[in-house]
C-alpha atoms as a PDB file:
ATOM      1  CA  UNK A   1      -9.457  24.723  -6.216  1.00  0.00           C
ATOM      2  CA  UNK A   2     -12.841  24.588  -7.985  1.00  0.00           C
ATOM      3  CA  UNK A   3     -15.427  22.883  -5.752  1.00  0.00           C
ATOM      4  CA  UNK A   4     -16.564  20.570  -8.556  1.00  0.00           C
ATOM      5  CA  UNK A   5     -12.998  19.393  -9.138  1.00  0.00           C
ATOM      6  CA  UNK A   6     -12.497  18.889  -5.399  1.00  0.00           C
ATOM      7  CA  UNK A   7     -15.682  16.812  -5.147  1.00  0.00           C
ATOM      8  CA  UNK A   8     -14.545  14.689  -8.074  1.00  0.00           C
ATOM      9  CA  UNK A   9     -11.066  14.238  -6.583  1.00  0.00           C
ATOM     10  CA  UNK A  10     -12.468  13.158  -3.223  1.00  0.00           C
ATOM     11  CA  UNK A  11     -14.609  10.460  -4.829  1.00  0.00           C
ATOM     12  CA  UNK A  12     -11.841   9.288  -7.140  1.00  0.00           C
ATOM     13  CA  UNK A  13      -9.347   9.194  -4.274  1.00  0.00           C
ATOM     14  CA  UNK A  14     -11.626   6.817  -2.341  1.00  0.00           C
ATOM     15  CA  UNK A  15     -11.547   4.448  -5.304  1.00  0.00           C
ATOM     16  CA  UNK A  16      -7.756   4.707  -5.608  1.00  0.00           C
ATOM     17  CA  UNK A  17      -7.248   4.134  -1.869  1.00  0.00           C
ATOM     18  CA  UNK A  18      -9.480   1.055  -1.990  1.00  0.00           C
ATOM     19  CA  UNK A  19      -7.346  -0.245  -4.854  1.00  0.00           C
ATOM     20  CA  UNK A  20      -4.128   0.434  -2.948  1.00  0.00           C
ATOM     21  CA  UNK A  21      -5.423  -1.401   0.101  1.00  0.00           C
ATOM     22  CA  UNK A  22      -6.271  -4.430  -2.041  1.00  0.00           C
ATOM     23  CA  UNK A  23      -2.615  -4.399  -3.144  1.00  0.00           C
ATOM     24  CA  UNK A  24      -1.232  -4.349   0.418  1.00  0.00           C
ATOM     25  CA  UNK A  25      -0.376  -0.644   0.195  1.00  0.00           C
ATOM     26  CA  UNK A  26      -1.717   2.263   2.247  1.00  0.00           C
ATOM     27  CA  UNK A  27      -3.476   5.275   0.767  1.00  0.00           C
ATOM     28  CA  UNK A  28      -4.410   8.676   2.191  1.00  0.00           C
ATOM     29  CA  UNK A  29      -6.270  11.684   0.809  1.00  0.00           C
ATOM     30  CA  UNK A  30      -5.157  15.241   1.574  1.00  0.00           C
ATOM     31  CA  UNK A  31      -7.454  18.134   0.712  1.00  0.00           C
ATOM     32  CA  UNK A  32      -4.485  20.519   0.394  1.00  0.00           C
ATOM     33  CA  UNK A  33      -0.700  20.658   0.227  1.00  0.00           C
ATOM     34  CA  UNK A  34      -0.628  21.659   3.898  1.00  0.00           C
ATOM     35  CA  UNK A  35      -2.672  18.622   4.872  1.00  0.00           C
ATOM     36  CA  UNK A  36      -0.435  16.407   2.737  1.00  0.00           C
ATOM     37  CA  UNK A  37       2.608  17.712   4.614  1.00  0.00           C
ATOM     38  CA  UNK A  38       1.023  16.943   7.983  1.00  0.00           C
ATOM     39  CA  UNK A  39       0.086  13.431   6.862  1.00  0.00           C
ATOM     40  CA  UNK A  40       3.588  12.750   5.544  1.00  0.00           C
ATOM     41  CA  UNK A  41       5.218  13.867   8.798  1.00  0.00           C
ATOM     42  CA  UNK A  42       2.997  11.499  10.816  1.00  0.00           C
ATOM     43  CA  UNK A  43       4.514   8.648   8.786  1.00  0.00           C
ATOM     44  CA  UNK A  44       8.135   9.712   9.424  1.00  0.00           C
ATOM     45  CA  UNK A  45       9.423   9.234  12.990  1.00  0.00           C
ATOM     46  CA  UNK A  46      11.923  11.801  14.251  1.00  0.00           C
ATOM     47  CA  UNK A  47      15.491  10.604  13.933  1.00  0.00           C
ATOM     48  CA  UNK A  48      14.741   8.685  10.734  1.00  0.00           C
ATOM     49  CA  UNK A  49      17.243   8.535   7.899  1.00  0.00           C
ATOM     50  CA  UNK A  50      15.470   9.832   4.797  1.00  0.00           C
ATOM     51  CA  UNK A  51      16.391  10.344   1.186  1.00  0.00           C
ATOM     52  CA  UNK A  52      14.650  10.680  -2.167  1.00  0.00           C
ATOM     53  CA  UNK A  53      14.951  10.829  -5.914  1.00  0.00           C
ATOM     54  CA  UNK A  54      14.093  13.963  -7.840  1.00  0.00           C
ATOM     55  CA  UNK A  55      10.368  14.168  -7.085  1.00  0.00           C
ATOM     56  CA  UNK A  56       9.111  17.729  -7.529  1.00  0.00           C
ATOM     57  CA  UNK A  57       5.854  16.931  -5.693  1.00  0.00           C
ATOM     58  CA  UNK A  58       7.772  16.257  -2.475  1.00  0.00           C
ATOM     59  CA  UNK A  59       9.257  19.748  -2.674  1.00  0.00           C
ATOM     60  CA  UNK A  60       5.947  21.342  -3.629  1.00  0.00           C
ATOM     61  CA  UNK A  61       4.189  20.361  -0.406  1.00  0.00           C
ATOM     62  CA  UNK A  62       7.116  21.680   1.658  1.00  0.00           C
ATOM     63  CA  UNK A  63       8.235  18.269   2.934  1.00  0.00           C
ATOM     64  CA  UNK A  64      11.930  18.641   2.105  1.00  0.00           C
ATOM     65  CA  UNK A  65      12.117  21.977   3.931  1.00  0.00           C
ATOM     66  CA  UNK A  66      10.335  20.516   6.964  1.00  0.00           C
ATOM     67  CA  UNK A  67      12.746  17.577   7.123  1.00  0.00           C
ATOM     68  CA  UNK A  68      15.813  19.792   6.819  1.00  0.00           C
ATOM     69  CA  UNK A  69      14.548  22.027   9.604  1.00  0.00           C
ATOM     70  CA  UNK A  70      13.372  19.177  11.836  1.00  0.00           C
ATOM     71  CA  UNK A  71      14.972  16.403  13.865  1.00  0.00           C
ATOM     72  CA  UNK A  72      15.672  14.092  10.939  1.00  0.00           C
ATOM     73  CA  UNK A  73      18.705  12.723   9.130  1.00  0.00           C
ATOM     74  CA  UNK A  74      17.803  13.937   5.656  1.00  0.00           C
ATOM     75  CA  UNK A  75      20.364  12.996   2.998  1.00  0.00           C
ATOM     76  CA  UNK A  76      20.259  15.515   0.168  1.00  0.00           C
ATOM     77  CA  UNK A  77      22.047  13.989  -2.807  1.00  0.00           C
ATOM     78  CA  UNK A  78      22.343  17.410  -4.472  1.00  0.00           C
ATOM     79  CA  UNK A  79      24.368  18.699  -1.522  1.00  0.00           C
ATOM     80  CA  UNK A  80      26.664  15.665  -1.213  1.00  0.00           C
ATOM     81  CA  UNK A  81      30.142  15.704  -2.729  1.00  0.00           C
ATOM     82  CA  UNK A  82      29.779  12.067  -3.774  1.00  0.00           C
ATOM     83  CA  UNK A  83      26.401  11.810  -5.480  1.00  0.00           C
ATOM     84  CA  UNK A  84      26.737   8.063  -6.028  1.00  0.00           C
ATOM     85  CA  UNK A  85      27.300   7.419  -2.325  1.00  0.00           C
ATOM     86  CA  UNK A  86      24.252   9.521  -1.496  1.00  0.00           C
ATOM     87  CA  UNK A  87      22.092   7.574  -3.949  1.00  0.00           C
ATOM     88  CA  UNK A  88      23.329   4.223  -2.616  1.00  0.00           C
ATOM     89  CA  UNK A  89      22.367   5.310   0.905  1.00  0.00           C
ATOM     90  CA  UNK A  90      18.749   5.132  -0.234  1.00  0.00           C
ATOM     91  CA  UNK A  91      18.785   1.337  -0.101  1.00  0.00           C
ATOM     92  CA  UNK A  92      19.365   1.320   3.651  1.00  0.00           C
ATOM     93  CA  UNK A  93      17.237   4.355   4.475  1.00  0.00           C
ATOM     94  CA  UNK A  94      14.343   4.289   6.909  1.00  0.00           C
ATOM     95  CA  UNK A  95      12.215   6.306   4.512  1.00  0.00           C
ATOM     96  CA  UNK A  96      12.418   6.932   0.779  1.00  0.00           C
ATOM     97  CA  UNK A  97      10.376   9.787  -0.684  1.00  0.00           C
ATOM     98  CA  UNK A  98       9.086   9.865  -4.226  1.00  0.00           C
ATOM     99  CA  UNK A  99       6.280  10.873  -6.461  1.00  0.00           C
ATOM    100  CA  UNK A 100       5.053   8.681  -9.289  1.00  0.00           C
ATOM    101  CA  UNK A 101       4.972   9.348 -13.011  1.00  0.00           C
ATOM    102  CA  UNK A 102       1.430   7.993 -13.143  1.00  0.00           C
ATOM    103  CA  UNK A 103      -0.925   5.613 -11.369  1.00  0.00           C
ATOM    104  CA  UNK A 104      -4.186   3.861 -12.086  1.00  0.00           C
ATOM    105  CA  UNK A 105      -7.589   4.271 -10.504  1.00  0.00           C
ATOM    106  CA  UNK A 106      -7.212   0.821  -8.955  1.00  0.00           C
ATOM    107  CA  UNK A 107      -3.865   1.536  -7.306  1.00  0.00           C
ATOM    108  CA  UNK A 108      -1.108   0.468  -9.704  1.00  0.00           C
ATOM    109  CA  UNK A 109       1.967   2.746  -9.728  1.00  0.00           C
ATOM    110  CA  UNK A 110       3.917   3.348 -12.954  1.00  0.00           C
ATOM    111  CA  UNK A 111       7.421   4.836 -12.958  1.00  0.00           C
ATOM    112  CA  UNK A 112      10.192   5.271 -15.519  1.00  0.00           C
ATOM    113  CA  UNK A 113      13.836   6.053 -14.907  1.00  0.00           C
ATOM    114  CA  UNK A 114      17.169   6.635 -16.591  1.00  0.00           C
ATOM    115  CA  UNK A 115      19.789   5.433 -14.111  1.00  0.00           C
ATOM    116  CA  UNK A 116      17.214   3.313 -12.198  1.00  0.00           C
ATOM    117  CA  UNK A 117      18.246   4.675  -8.787  1.00  0.00           C
ATOM    118  CA  UNK A 118      14.648   5.752  -8.114  1.00  0.00           C
ATOM    119  CA  UNK A 119      12.761   2.742  -9.452  1.00  0.00           C
ATOM    120  CA  UNK A 120      15.185   0.311  -7.802  1.00  0.00           C
ATOM    121  CA  UNK A 121      14.722   2.006  -4.415  1.00  0.00           C
ATOM    122  CA  UNK A 122      10.958   1.898  -4.845  1.00  0.00           C
ATOM    123  CA  UNK A 123      11.129  -1.815  -5.591  1.00  0.00           C
ATOM    124  CA  UNK A 124      13.490  -2.880  -2.804  1.00  0.00           C
ATOM    125  CA  UNK A 125      15.698  -1.564  -0.020  1.00  0.00           C
ATOM    126  CA  UNK A 126      14.246   1.331   2.013  1.00  0.00           C
ATOM    127  CA  UNK A 127      12.105   0.248   4.943  1.00  0.00           C
ATOM    128  CA  UNK A 128       9.303   2.617   3.967  1.00  0.00           C
ATOM    129  CA  UNK A 129       8.424   4.373   0.707  1.00  0.00           C
ATOM    130  CA  UNK A 130       6.153   7.420   0.771  1.00  0.00           C
ATOM    131  CA  UNK A 131       4.681   8.719  -2.483  1.00  0.00           C
ATOM    132  CA  UNK A 132       3.317  12.264  -2.798  1.00  0.00           C
ATOM    133  CA  UNK A 133       0.887  12.180  -5.722  1.00  0.00           C
ATOM    134  CA  UNK A 134      -1.207  14.968  -7.212  1.00  0.00           C
ATOM    135  CA  UNK A 135      -4.610  13.851  -8.478  1.00  0.00           C
ATOM    136  CA  UNK A 136      -3.518  14.969 -11.951  1.00  0.00           C
ATOM    137  CA  UNK A 137      -1.466  11.768 -12.182  1.00  0.00           C
ATOM    138  CA  UNK A 138      -4.359   9.332 -11.773  1.00  0.00           C
ATOM    139  CA  UNK A 139      -5.194   7.516 -15.026  1.00  0.00           C
ATOM    140  CA  UNK A 140      -7.860   5.019 -16.052  1.00  0.00           C
ATOM    141  CA  UNK A 141      -5.609   1.987 -16.410  1.00  0.00           C
ATOM    142  CA  UNK A 142      -2.015   0.804 -16.844  1.00  0.00           C
ATOM    143  CA  UNK A 143      -2.027   1.598 -20.550  1.00  0.00           C
ATOM    144  CA  UNK A 144      -3.127   5.163 -19.819  1.00  0.00           C
ATOM    145  CA  UNK A 145      -0.563   5.457 -17.030  1.00  0.00           C
ATOM    146  CA  UNK A 146       2.228   4.267 -19.328  1.00  0.00           C
ATOM    147  CA  UNK A 147       1.189   6.785 -21.968  1.00  0.00           C
ATOM    148  CA  UNK A 148       1.182   9.568 -19.387  1.00  0.00           C
ATOM    149  CA  UNK A 149       4.607   8.574 -18.061  1.00  0.00           C
ATOM    150  CA  UNK A 150       6.114   8.486 -21.547  1.00  0.00           C
ATOM    151  CA  UNK A 151       4.307  11.405 -23.193  1.00  0.00           C
ATOM    152  CA  UNK A 152       3.838  13.854 -20.322  1.00  0.00           C
ATOM    153  CA  UNK A 153       6.344  13.202 -17.536  1.00  0.00           C
ATOM    154  CA  UNK A 154       9.334  12.182 -19.646  1.00  0.00           C
ATOM    155  CA  UNK A 155       9.255  15.050 -22.185  1.00  0.00           C
ATOM    156  CA  UNK A 156       8.761  17.659 -19.457  1.00  0.00           C
ATOM    157  CA  UNK A 157      11.672  16.260 -17.449  1.00  0.00           C
ATOM    158  CA  UNK A 158      13.845  16.106 -20.566  1.00  0.00           C
ATOM    159  CA  UNK A 159      13.050  19.772 -21.220  1.00  0.00           C
ATOM    160  CA  UNK A 160      13.543  20.676 -17.539  1.00  0.00           C
ATOM    161  CA  UNK A 161      17.071  19.265 -17.528  1.00  0.00           C
ATOM    162  CA  UNK A 162      17.703  20.186 -21.187  1.00  0.00           C
ATOM    163  CA  UNK A 163      18.574  16.595 -22.067  1.00  0.00           C
ATOM    164  CA  UNK A 164      19.381  15.830 -25.688  1.00  0.00           C
ATOM    165  CA  UNK A 165      16.518  13.476 -26.519  1.00  0.00           C
ATOM    166  CA  UNK A 166      13.914  13.569 -29.302  1.00  0.00           C
ATOM    167  CA  UNK A 167      11.099  14.128 -26.774  1.00  0.00           C
ATOM    168  CA  UNK A 168      12.805  17.340 -25.652  1.00  0.00           C
ATOM    169  CA  UNK A 169      12.271  18.689 -29.159  1.00  0.00           C
ATOM    170  CA  UNK A 170       8.908  17.111 -30.052  1.00  0.00           C
ATOM    171  CA  UNK A 171       7.176  17.078 -26.660  1.00  0.00           C
ATOM    172  CA  UNK A 172       6.187  13.435 -27.036  1.00  0.00           C
ATOM    173  CA  UNK A 173       7.800  10.013 -26.742  1.00  0.00           C
ATOM    174  CA  UNK A 174       9.659   8.878 -29.855  1.00  0.00           C
ATOM    175  CA  UNK A 175      10.618   5.464 -28.397  1.00  0.00           C
ATOM    176  CA  UNK A 176      14.238   6.529 -28.815  1.00  0.00           C
ATOM    177  CA  UNK A 177      17.577   4.919 -28.067  1.00  0.00           C
ATOM    178  CA  UNK A 178      19.276   8.221 -27.394  1.00  0.00           C
ATOM    179  CA  UNK A 179      22.536   8.154 -25.370  1.00  0.00           C
ATOM    180  CA  UNK A 180      20.776  10.459 -22.879  1.00  0.00           C
ATOM    181  CA  UNK A 181      17.581   8.407 -22.751  1.00  0.00           C
ATOM    182  CA  UNK A 182      15.710   8.870 -19.463  1.00  0.00           C
ATOM    183  CA  UNK A 183      13.270   6.023 -20.164  1.00  0.00           C
ATOM    184  CA  UNK A 184      15.673   3.107 -19.676  1.00  0.00           C
ATOM    185  CA  UNK A 185      13.801   1.335 -16.887  1.00  0.00           C
ATOM    186  CA  UNK A 186      10.051   0.852 -16.378  1.00  0.00           C
ATOM    187  CA  UNK A 187       8.620  -0.198 -13.025  1.00  0.00           C
ATOM    188  CA  UNK A 188       4.996  -1.254 -12.532  1.00  0.00           C
ATOM    189  CA  UNK A 189       4.175  -1.660  -8.849  1.00  0.00           C
ATOM    190  CA  UNK A 190       0.987  -3.697  -8.605  1.00  0.00           C
ATOM    191  CA  UNK A 191       1.398  -5.256  -5.151  1.00  0.00           C
ATOM    192  CA  UNK A 192       3.584  -4.942  -2.058  1.00  0.00           C
ATOM    193  CA  UNK A 193       4.649  -8.144  -0.316  1.00  0.00           C
ATOM    194  CA  UNK A 194       5.651  -6.092   2.727  1.00  0.00           C
ATOM    195  CA  UNK A 195       2.682  -4.558   4.507  1.00  0.00           C
ATOM    196  CA  UNK A 196       3.150  -1.000   5.777  1.00  0.00           C
ATOM    197  CA  UNK A 197       6.061  -0.385   3.383  1.00  0.00           C
ATOM    198  CA  UNK A 198       4.389   1.614   0.608  1.00  0.00           C
ATOM    199  CA  UNK A 199       2.282   4.655   1.459  1.00  0.00           C
ATOM    200  CA  UNK A 200       0.601   6.887  -1.127  1.00  0.00           C
ATOM    201  CA  UNK A 201      -0.640  10.369  -0.195  1.00  0.00           C
ATOM    202  CA  UNK A 202      -3.075  11.626  -2.820  1.00  0.00           C
ATOM    203  CA  UNK A 203      -3.246  15.410  -2.898  1.00  0.00           C
ATOM    204  CA  UNK A 204      -6.168  17.513  -4.096  1.00  0.00           C
ATOM    205  CA  UNK A 205      -3.912  19.531  -6.371  1.00  0.00           C
ATOM    206  CA  UNK A 206      -1.936  19.360  -9.588  1.00  0.00           C
ATOM    207  CA  UNK A 207       1.596  18.432  -8.543  1.00  0.00           C
ATOM    208  CA  UNK A 208       4.746  17.571 -10.445  1.00  0.00           C
ATOM    209  CA  UNK A 209       4.781  16.505 -14.065  1.00  0.00           C
END
C-alpha cells in the first residue's frame, strides 16, 4: 500500500482506537492482512466455539481458513443442513466474527441487516465479538457511517446476491420497502456494557464492502 496512505491510516487508527476504548471496547491496528490474522487468533482460545455472519473481511484475512484447519469448533452456517439452527448457535457461541458496514472516527459501529441474525448477535449473546474492519470503512461521524452503510455496503451486497431491490438497479439507497429488503434492521453500537466483549481489529487495507 502507498506509504502516504499507510501513514494516514496509522494516525487515524490511533484516534479510532482511543474512541473505542472510551466506549468500553478494545481496538487494535494491523499493518497488513497477515498481521490482522495473527491478532485475531490471539483473541480466540483453542477449543472455542465460533461462528459468524456473512462478513467478507473475515474471509479476506484468511481467518475462516485458519479456524477450519485449527483446533476450533467453527460452525459454518453455509455447510449446515439446517441454516436456522446454525444461526441460532451464534447466541451461545464463545466468539462471533463480523465486519461492520461502517464506523466513525470516534469508535461508533454502524450495521444494517435483513433478517437481523448478525446485528442481534452483535448486540447480545456471544461471549466475545471480533470485528475485522478495513480502514476504508472509517467515516467522519454517525451520519456519514449511515450513508456509507446504505449507499455503499447495501447496494453492493444486493448486487452480490442478486437481490431484487431498487438499490441493485440504481447503485444507491432508495429507502425502499421491497419484499427482499436487506435494510430492515439498523444497529448503532456506541458503548459496550461488558468489558472485553467487543474487539475491533483495524486493518491497513481496503476490505469488504
